[in-house]
Amino acid sequence: MLASDVTLPATEVIEAYGWRFKIDLSFRTLVHLLGGFGYRFWLKAMDSTGLWPQNLSLGDHDESFRHQVTRKVEAFERFLHLNAMAFGVLQVLALEMPQSVWTHFPRWFRTLPSHGYPSEQIVRLSLQHQLASNLAESRQSLLLTKLLADKNAAPKSSSSAVIAALALVDKHNTNL
């Protein structure tokens, strides 16, 4: 391993590299598990281009176009932040409610991890599996329940894990 600061002791370089690996792994999980970077940046106001636009300078475009681009960037940031929060919720549920997660896991596992904690993927699958029952037991006055009342089947997308987590948290808070 190399470091640009030659005065750092080897242990600090290794520790810093370990943090970098954890951050990279978190981004990879965010991408593959929740589709965190699946937002598409496109505007109707943009001229159709080939593969890559030649003029990327916003200063060369009119105020209306710059405003639209700014709104798209803000929407992308919100999308990414919501996915990061959903990822955090999955991690908290894995650490705080592992037994409940394993109980509702819809598949068979040959061997459980020795530490007993499920991965974020296991938590997501467990939440998706119990989504319908959690929503059925939620208070009818909840906005989430009202929004999803006309849905017949549980959604198959990764966003259903977030919905199931919210319903599970509400159910847990109701029981307190």
Protein backbone atom coordinates (compact mmCIF):
# COMPACT_ATOMS: atom_id res chain seq x y z
CA MET A 1 0.00 0.00 0.00
CA LEU A 2 1.11 3.52 -0.74
CA ALA A 3 0.35 6.79 0.98
CA SER A 4 1.03 10.31 -0.23
CA ASP A 5 1.97 11.29 3.34
CA VAL A 6 5.28 9.50 3.96
CA THR A 7 5.26 10.50 7.65
CA LEU A 8 2.23 8.29 8.44
CA PRO A 9 2.99 5.10 10.33
CA ALA A 10 2.09 1.88 8.51
CA THR A 11 -0.69 1.10 11.00
CA GLU A 12 -2.50 4.37 10.18
CA VAL A 13 -2.18 3.74 6.43
CA ILE A 14 -3.70 0.27 6.88
CA GLU A 15 -6.48 1.65 9.10
CA ALA A 16 -7.30 4.37 6.55
CA TYR A 17 -7.39 1.79 3.78
CA GLY A 18 -9.75 -0.33 5.90
CA TRP A 19 -12.16 2.61 6.20
CA ARG A 20 -11.96 3.17 2.45
CA PHE A 21 -12.85 -0.47 1.84
CA LYS A 22 -15.88 -0.19 4.15
CA ILE A 23 -17.06 2.96 2.35
CA ASP A 24 -16.63 1.30 -1.07
CA LEU A 25 -18.51 -1.77 0.14
CA SER A 26 -21.34 0.42 1.45
CA PHE A 27 -21.63 2.15 -1.93
CA ARG A 28 -21.61 -1.19 -3.74
CA THR A 29 -24.35 -2.50 -1.45
CA LEU A 30 -26.34 0.70 -1.91
CA VAL A 31 -26.13 0.29 -5.69
CA HIS A 32 -26.88 -3.43 -5.94
CA LEU A 33 -29.33 -3.90 -3.06
CA LEU A 34 -31.44 -0.75 -3.32
CA GLY A 35 -30.60 0.69 -6.72
CA GLY A 36 -29.25 3.82 -5.04
CA PHE A 37 -27.76 5.28 -8.20
CA GLY A 38 -30.55 4.13 -10.52
CA TYR A 39 -31.88 7.65 -11.02
CA ARG A 40 -31.72 8.76 -14.64
CA PHE A 41 -30.70 12.33 -15.40
CA TRP A 42 -32.68 13.48 -18.39
CA LEU A 43 -34.62 16.62 -19.25
CA LYS A 44 -37.15 17.14 -22.02
CA ALA A 45 -35.61 20.60 -22.47
CA MET A 46 -32.25 19.07 -23.41
CA ASP A 47 -31.48 18.66 -27.07
CA SER A 48 -31.04 15.06 -28.10
CA THR A 49 -27.36 14.25 -28.42
CA GLY A 50 -25.33 11.30 -29.55
CA LEU A 51 -23.40 9.58 -26.83
CA TRP A 52 -22.17 12.51 -24.77
CA PRO A 53 -23.08 16.22 -24.98
CA GLN A 54 -20.27 18.42 -26.22
CA ASN A 55 -21.16 21.51 -24.16
CA LEU A 56 -21.34 20.72 -20.45
CA SER A 57 -20.97 24.34 -19.29
CA LEU A 58 -24.20 25.49 -17.64
CA GLY A 59 -23.13 29.09 -18.10
CA ASP A 60 -23.65 28.72 -21.84
CA HIS A 61 -27.35 27.87 -21.40
CA ASP A 62 -30.31 30.10 -20.55
CA GLU A 63 -31.62 30.64 -17.02
CA SER A 64 -34.62 28.32 -17.50
CA PHE A 65 -32.38 25.43 -18.52
CA ARG A 66 -29.98 26.03 -15.61
CA HIS A 67 -32.95 26.06 -13.23
CA GLN A 68 -34.21 22.74 -14.63
CA VAL A 69 -30.76 21.16 -14.29
CA THR A 70 -30.51 22.42 -10.71
CA ARG A 71 -33.89 20.86 -9.90
CA LYS A 72 -32.80 17.54 -11.45
CA VAL A 73 -29.58 17.52 -9.43
CA GLU A 74 -31.55 18.22 -6.24
CA ALA A 75 -33.99 15.40 -7.09
CA PHE A 76 -31.06 13.04 -7.64
CA GLU A 77 -29.57 14.02 -4.28
CA ARG A 78 -32.91 13.40 -2.52
CA PHE A 79 -33.21 10.02 -4.24
CA LEU A 80 -29.71 9.04 -3.15
CA HIS A 81 -30.26 10.28 0.43
CA LEU A 82 -33.51 8.30 0.73
CA ASN A 83 -31.72 5.18 -0.45
CA ALA A 84 -28.91 5.77 2.03
CA MET A 85 -31.47 6.16 4.84
CA ALA A 86 -33.22 2.95 3.74
CA PHE A 87 -29.84 1.21 3.80
CA GLY A 88 -29.30 2.49 7.34
CA VAL A 89 -32.76 1.25 8.40
CA LEU A 90 -31.89 -2.21 7.03
CA GLN A 91 -28.65 -2.20 9.03
CA VAL A 92 -30.39 -1.09 12.24
CA LEU A 93 -33.04 -3.79 11.84
CA ALA A 94 -30.31 -6.39 11.24
CA LEU A 95 -28.55 -5.38 14.46
CA GLU A 96 -31.57 -4.71 16.68
CA MET A 97 -34.05 -7.36 15.52
CA PRO A 98 -32.04 -10.28 14.09
CA GLN A 99 -34.31 -12.98 15.52
CA SER A 100 -37.42 -11.38 14.04
CA VAL A 101 -35.68 -11.02 10.68
CA TRP A 102 -34.64 -14.69 10.63
CA THR A 103 -38.15 -15.75 11.70
CA HIS A 104 -39.70 -14.00 8.69
CA PHE A 105 -37.01 -14.93 6.18
CA PRO A 106 -38.94 -16.64 3.35
CA ARG A 107 -36.18 -18.97 2.22
CA TRP A 108 -34.15 -21.81 3.59
CA PHE A 109 -30.60 -21.17 4.73
CA ARG A 110 -28.24 -24.13 5.04
CA THR A 111 -26.14 -22.50 7.74
CA LEU A 112 -26.71 -19.28 9.62
CA PRO A 113 -23.77 -16.96 10.21
CA SER A 114 -21.99 -17.74 13.46
CA HIS A 115 -22.53 -14.16 14.70
CA GLY A 116 -26.28 -14.53 14.12
CA TYR A 117 -26.81 -11.21 12.36
CA PRO A 118 -28.54 -11.15 8.98
CA SER A 119 -27.20 -9.16 6.05
CA GLU A 120 -29.03 -6.18 4.61
CA GLN A 121 -30.20 -8.42 1.77
CA ILE A 122 -31.73 -10.91 4.23
CA VAL A 123 -33.48 -8.06 6.05
CA ARG A 124 -34.83 -6.70 2.76
CA LEU A 125 -36.17 -10.11 1.72
CA SER A 126 -37.74 -10.65 5.15
CA LEU A 127 -39.43 -7.25 5.03
CA GLN A 128 -40.73 -7.87 1.54
CA HIS A 129 -42.08 -11.24 2.65
CA GLN A 130 -44.06 -9.74 5.52
CA LEU A 131 -45.08 -6.50 3.78
CA ALA A 132 -48.71 -7.48 3.22
CA SER A 133 -49.25 -8.65 6.80
CA ASN A 134 -47.56 -5.56 8.27
CA LEU A 135 -49.70 -3.27 6.18
CA ALA A 136 -52.85 -5.23 7.04
CA GLU A 137 -52.12 -4.74 10.75
CA SER A 138 -51.26 -1.04 10.43
CA ARG A 139 -53.65 1.62 11.63
CA GLN A 140 -56.02 2.67 8.88
CA SER A 141 -55.35 6.34 9.65
CA LEU A 142 -51.72 6.10 8.52
CA LEU A 143 -50.91 7.97 5.34
CA LEU A 144 -48.90 4.98 4.13
CA THR A 145 -51.90 2.69 4.59
CA LYS A 146 -54.11 5.11 2.70
CA LEU A 147 -51.62 5.41 -0.15
CA LEU A 148 -51.31 1.66 -0.55
CA ALA A 149 -54.93 0.68 0.19
CA ASP A 150 -55.77 0.06 -3.45
CA LYS A 151 -52.74 -2.16 -4.10
CA ASN A 152 -53.63 -5.85 -4.29
CA ALA A 153 -50.14 -7.37 -4.33
CA ALA A 154 -46.93 -6.50 -2.51
CA PRO A 155 -44.55 -4.49 -4.72
CA LYS A 156 -41.54 -6.39 -6.04
CA SER A 157 -39.18 -3.43 -6.20
CA SER A 158 -36.46 -2.70 -3.69
CA SER A 159 -38.49 0.28 -2.45
CA SER A 160 -40.91 -2.21 -0.90
CA ALA A 161 -38.26 -2.91 1.73
CA VAL A 162 -38.49 0.72 2.83
CA ILE A 163 -42.30 0.54 2.90
CA ALA A 164 -42.22 -2.69 4.89
CA ALA A 165 -39.69 -1.24 7.32
CA LEU A 166 -41.90 1.79 7.93
CA ALA A 167 -44.92 -0.44 8.51
CA LEU A 168 -42.90 -2.67 10.87
CA VAL A 169 -41.66 0.33 12.85
CA ASP A 170 -45.22 1.68 13.11
CA LYS A 171 -46.46 -1.73 14.24
CA HIS A 172 -43.68 -1.88 16.83
CA ASN A 173 -44.45 1.64 18.10
CA THR A 174 -48.15 0.82 18.33
CA ASN A 175 -47.35 -2.17 20.55
CA LEU A 176 -45.32 -0.06 23.01
